[in-house]
Each structure stands twice: as C-alpha cells, then as structure tokens.
Amino acid sequence: MPPKVDTNKCNGCNGRAESCCEQVCPGDLMLVSAQTGKAICRNPRECWDCMSCVKACPRGALETKMPYQLGYFKATLRPYVGKNFITWKCRDINGNEQTFKSVNRTT
C-alpha cells in the first residue's frame, strides 16, 4: 500500500532540489506535485511498502499501512541502512525470514 501523505504536514521539503522521500525511494516512485507542492506516489501499484519514505520524512507527513502478514504480533520488518543500500530483514507471523537488499539512488 503506498504511503498516505498528510497534506497539513508536508511542505515538499521546501528549498531542496529533491525532497527526502524522492531521494530515498528505491523504486523512484515519490515526487513533489507541481500543482500542490506536496509529496505524491507517482504509481501506487508499484509501491512495495518498504517504508523508506516514511522513515526519511523530516516532518512525519507520510504513513503507510503494514501488510497483514506483518501486522500481527511476532512479525517484524527491520531496515539496516548502509552507505549505498538498505537491507530489510522481514519475519512473518509464521517465523519465516527473508532478507531484501535495495540500492539507494545516487545523484
């Protein structure tokens, strides 16, 4: 599920050439709308719920819902941020673990 933007909090990272959510999104899906000056997800169906944008937003303007497999007790999703990548360790409600690694975009 793509991030929900609280338009009362989002200021599009005023003064930055690229917003924090744009910078960190591994799928290059986030952008600041030219009409509203607020963050939006350009293709919600392609969002993979990594929550990088939620963690990067300095104003706390983004939120996302957890997939049901992760929303229960004992399920976890932990990001480990490296210099040029983020490693995600995911444990579902049945204790099955998976690790995903995504490269951060560079300018």
C-alpha atoms as a PDB file:
ATOM      1  CA  MET A   1       0.000   0.000   0.000  1.00  0.00           C
ATOM      2  CA  PRO A   2       1.505   3.363  -0.991  1.00  0.00           C
ATOM      3  CA  PRO A   3       2.234   5.991   1.636  1.00  0.00           C
ATOM      4  CA  LYS A   4      -0.538   8.334   2.692  1.00  0.00           C
ATOM      5  CA  VAL A   5       0.510  11.984   2.724  1.00  0.00           C
ATOM      6  CA  ASP A   6      -0.709  14.299   5.471  1.00  0.00           C
ATOM      7  CA  THR A   7      -1.042  17.471   3.407  1.00  0.00           C
ATOM      8  CA  ASN A   8      -1.152  19.598   6.557  1.00  0.00           C
ATOM      9  CA  LYS A   9       2.365  18.449   7.489  1.00  0.00           C
ATOM     10  CA  CYS A  10       4.027  18.004   4.074  1.00  0.00           C
ATOM     11  CA  ASN A  11       5.829  21.054   2.718  1.00  0.00           C
ATOM     12  CA  GLY A  12       7.567  19.259  -0.155  1.00  0.00           C
ATOM     13  CA  CYS A  13      10.900  19.713   1.659  1.00  0.00           C
ATOM     14  CA  ASN A  14      10.913  23.424   0.847  1.00  0.00           C
ATOM     15  CA  GLY A  15      14.191  24.692  -0.511  1.00  0.00           C
ATOM     16  CA  ARG A  16      15.574  21.282  -1.516  1.00  0.00           C
ATOM     17  CA  ALA A  17      16.212  20.343  -5.121  1.00  0.00           C
ATOM     18  CA  GLU A  18      14.841  16.856  -4.358  1.00  0.00           C
ATOM     19  CA  SER A  19      12.578  16.007  -1.417  1.00  0.00           C
ATOM     20  CA  CYS A  20      13.712  13.478   1.181  1.00  0.00           C
ATOM     21  CA  CYS A  21      11.089  10.945   0.072  1.00  0.00           C
ATOM     22  CA  GLU A  22      12.167  11.283  -3.576  1.00  0.00           C
ATOM     23  CA  GLN A  23      15.793  10.826  -2.617  1.00  0.00           C
ATOM     24  CA  VAL A  24      15.298   7.642  -0.617  1.00  0.00           C
ATOM     25  CA  CYS A  25      12.606   5.785  -2.634  1.00  0.00           C
ATOM     26  CA  PRO A  26      14.298   2.713  -4.176  1.00  0.00           C
ATOM     27  CA  GLY A  27      11.553   2.469  -6.815  1.00  0.00           C
ATOM     28  CA  ASP A  28      11.811   6.150  -7.813  1.00  0.00           C
ATOM     29  CA  LEU A  29       8.071   6.472  -7.149  1.00  0.00           C
ATOM     30  CA  MET A  30       7.876   9.559  -4.943  1.00  0.00           C
ATOM     31  CA  LEU A  31       7.730  13.113  -6.279  1.00  0.00           C
ATOM     32  CA  VAL A  32       6.550  16.555  -5.275  1.00  0.00           C
ATOM     33  CA  SER A  33       3.486  17.655  -7.233  1.00  0.00           C
ATOM     34  CA  ALA A  34       3.995  20.839  -9.240  1.00  0.00           C
ATOM     35  CA  GLN A  35       0.344  21.774  -8.563  1.00  0.00           C
ATOM     36  CA  THR A  36       0.212  21.282  -4.783  1.00  0.00           C
ATOM     37  CA  GLY A  37       3.856  21.309  -3.679  1.00  0.00           C
ATOM     38  CA  LYS A  38       3.131  18.126  -1.683  1.00  0.00           C
ATOM     39  CA  ALA A  39       4.604  14.639  -1.966  1.00  0.00           C
ATOM     40  CA  ILE A  40       2.755  12.030  -4.008  1.00  0.00           C
ATOM     41  CA  CYS A  41       3.422   8.490  -5.151  1.00  0.00           C
ATOM     42  CA  ARG A  42       3.551   8.526  -8.955  1.00  0.00           C
ATOM     43  CA  ASN A  43       2.461   4.887  -9.322  1.00  0.00           C
ATOM     44  CA  PRO A  44       0.822   3.469  -6.184  1.00  0.00           C
ATOM     45  CA  ARG A  45       0.510  -0.031  -7.657  1.00  0.00           C
ATOM     46  CA  GLU A  46       4.300  -0.319  -7.899  1.00  0.00           C
ATOM     47  CA  CYS A  47       4.986   0.674  -4.279  1.00  0.00           C
ATOM     48  CA  TRP A  48       6.460  -2.284  -2.375  1.00  0.00           C
ATOM     49  CA  ASP A  49       5.813  -0.953   1.119  1.00  0.00           C
ATOM     50  CA  CYS A  50       9.470  -0.578   2.055  1.00  0.00           C
ATOM     51  CA  MET A  51       8.619   2.487   4.169  1.00  0.00           C
ATOM     52  CA  SER A  52      11.863   4.255   3.270  1.00  0.00           C
ATOM     53  CA  CYS A  53       9.941   7.450   2.535  1.00  0.00           C
ATOM     54  CA  VAL A  54       8.097   7.253   5.862  1.00  0.00           C
ATOM     55  CA  LYS A  55      11.377   6.970   7.767  1.00  0.00           C
ATOM     56  CA  ALA A  56      13.057   9.741   5.738  1.00  0.00           C
ATOM     57  CA  CYS A  57      10.319  12.384   6.031  1.00  0.00           C
ATOM     58  CA  PRO A  58      11.601  15.104   8.386  1.00  0.00           C
ATOM     59  CA  ARG A  59       8.066  16.374   9.078  1.00  0.00           C
ATOM     60  CA  GLY A  60       6.428  12.999   9.768  1.00  0.00           C
ATOM     61  CA  ALA A  61       3.975  13.661   6.933  1.00  0.00           C
ATOM     62  CA  LEU A  62       3.981  10.141   5.484  1.00  0.00           C
ATOM     63  CA  GLU A  63       2.490   6.947   6.821  1.00  0.00           C
ATOM     64  CA  THR A  64       1.773   3.518   5.417  1.00  0.00           C
ATOM     65  CA  LYS A  65      -0.262   0.537   6.480  1.00  0.00           C
ATOM     66  CA  MET A  66       1.533  -2.707   7.194  1.00  0.00           C
ATOM     67  CA  PRO A  67       0.596  -5.729   5.078  1.00  0.00           C
ATOM     68  CA  TYR A  68      -1.469  -8.104   7.208  1.00  0.00           C
ATOM     69  CA  GLN A  69       1.321 -10.699   7.309  1.00  0.00           C
ATOM     70  CA  LEU A  70       3.488  -8.191   9.177  1.00  0.00           C
ATOM     71  CA  GLY A  71       0.786  -6.541  11.240  1.00  0.00           C
ATOM     72  CA  TYR A  72       0.498  -9.294  13.815  1.00  0.00           C
ATOM     73  CA  PHE A  73       2.489  -9.927  16.977  1.00  0.00           C
ATOM     74  CA  LYS A  74       5.904 -11.523  16.402  1.00  0.00           C
ATOM     75  CA  ALA A  75       6.154 -10.273  12.809  1.00  0.00           C
ATOM     76  CA  THR A  76       8.958  -7.781  12.157  1.00  0.00           C
ATOM     77  CA  LEU A  77      10.377  -5.651   9.387  1.00  0.00           C
ATOM     78  CA  ARG A  78      13.761  -4.153  10.213  1.00  0.00           C
ATOM     79  CA  PRO A  79      15.786  -1.815   7.994  1.00  0.00           C
ATOM     80  CA  TYR A  80      19.574  -1.756   8.207  1.00  0.00           C
ATOM     81  CA  VAL A  81      20.876   1.318   6.427  1.00  0.00           C
ATOM     82  CA  GLY A  82      24.292   1.076   4.798  1.00  0.00           C
ATOM     83  CA  LYS A  83      26.191   3.737   2.903  1.00  0.00           C
ATOM     84  CA  ASN A  84      24.694   2.932  -0.522  1.00  0.00           C
ATOM     85  CA  PHE A  85      21.973   0.419   0.303  1.00  0.00           C
ATOM     86  CA  ILE A  86      19.251  -0.623   2.737  1.00  0.00           C
ATOM     87  CA  THR A  87      18.953  -4.228   3.887  1.00  0.00           C
ATOM     88  CA  TRP A  88      15.483  -5.267   5.062  1.00  0.00           C
ATOM     89  CA  LYS A  89      15.050  -8.268   7.343  1.00  0.00           C
ATOM     90  CA  CYS A  90      11.486  -9.493   7.367  1.00  0.00           C
ATOM     91  CA  ARG A  91       9.957 -12.123   9.650  1.00  0.00           C
ATOM     92  CA  ASP A  92       6.309 -13.019   9.015  1.00  0.00           C
ATOM     93  CA  ILE A  93       3.731 -14.267  11.518  1.00  0.00           C
ATOM     94  CA  ASN A  94       4.875 -17.876  10.985  1.00  0.00           C
ATOM     95  CA  GLY A  95       8.528 -17.119  11.766  1.00  0.00           C
ATOM     96  CA  ASN A  96       9.683 -17.334   8.130  1.00  0.00           C
ATOM     97  CA  GLU A  97      12.530 -14.907   7.482  1.00  0.00           C
ATOM     98  CA  GLN A  98      13.595 -13.173   4.286  1.00  0.00           C
ATOM     99  CA  THR A  99      16.262 -10.591   3.583  1.00  0.00           C
ATOM    100  CA  PHE A 100      15.994  -7.975   0.851  1.00  0.00           C
ATOM    101  CA  LYS A 101      18.660  -5.528  -0.204  1.00  0.00           C
ATOM    102  CA  SER A 102      17.938  -2.385  -2.203  1.00  0.00           C
ATOM    103  CA  VAL A 103      20.450   0.062  -3.593  1.00  0.00           C
ATOM    104  CA  ASN A 104      19.879   3.710  -2.712  1.00  0.00           C
ATOM    105  CA  ARG A 105      19.630   6.024  -5.655  1.00  0.00           C
ATOM    106  CA  THR A 106      22.622   8.260  -6.131  1.00  0.00           C
ATOM    107  CA  THR A 107      22.702  11.750  -7.584  1.00  0.00           C
END
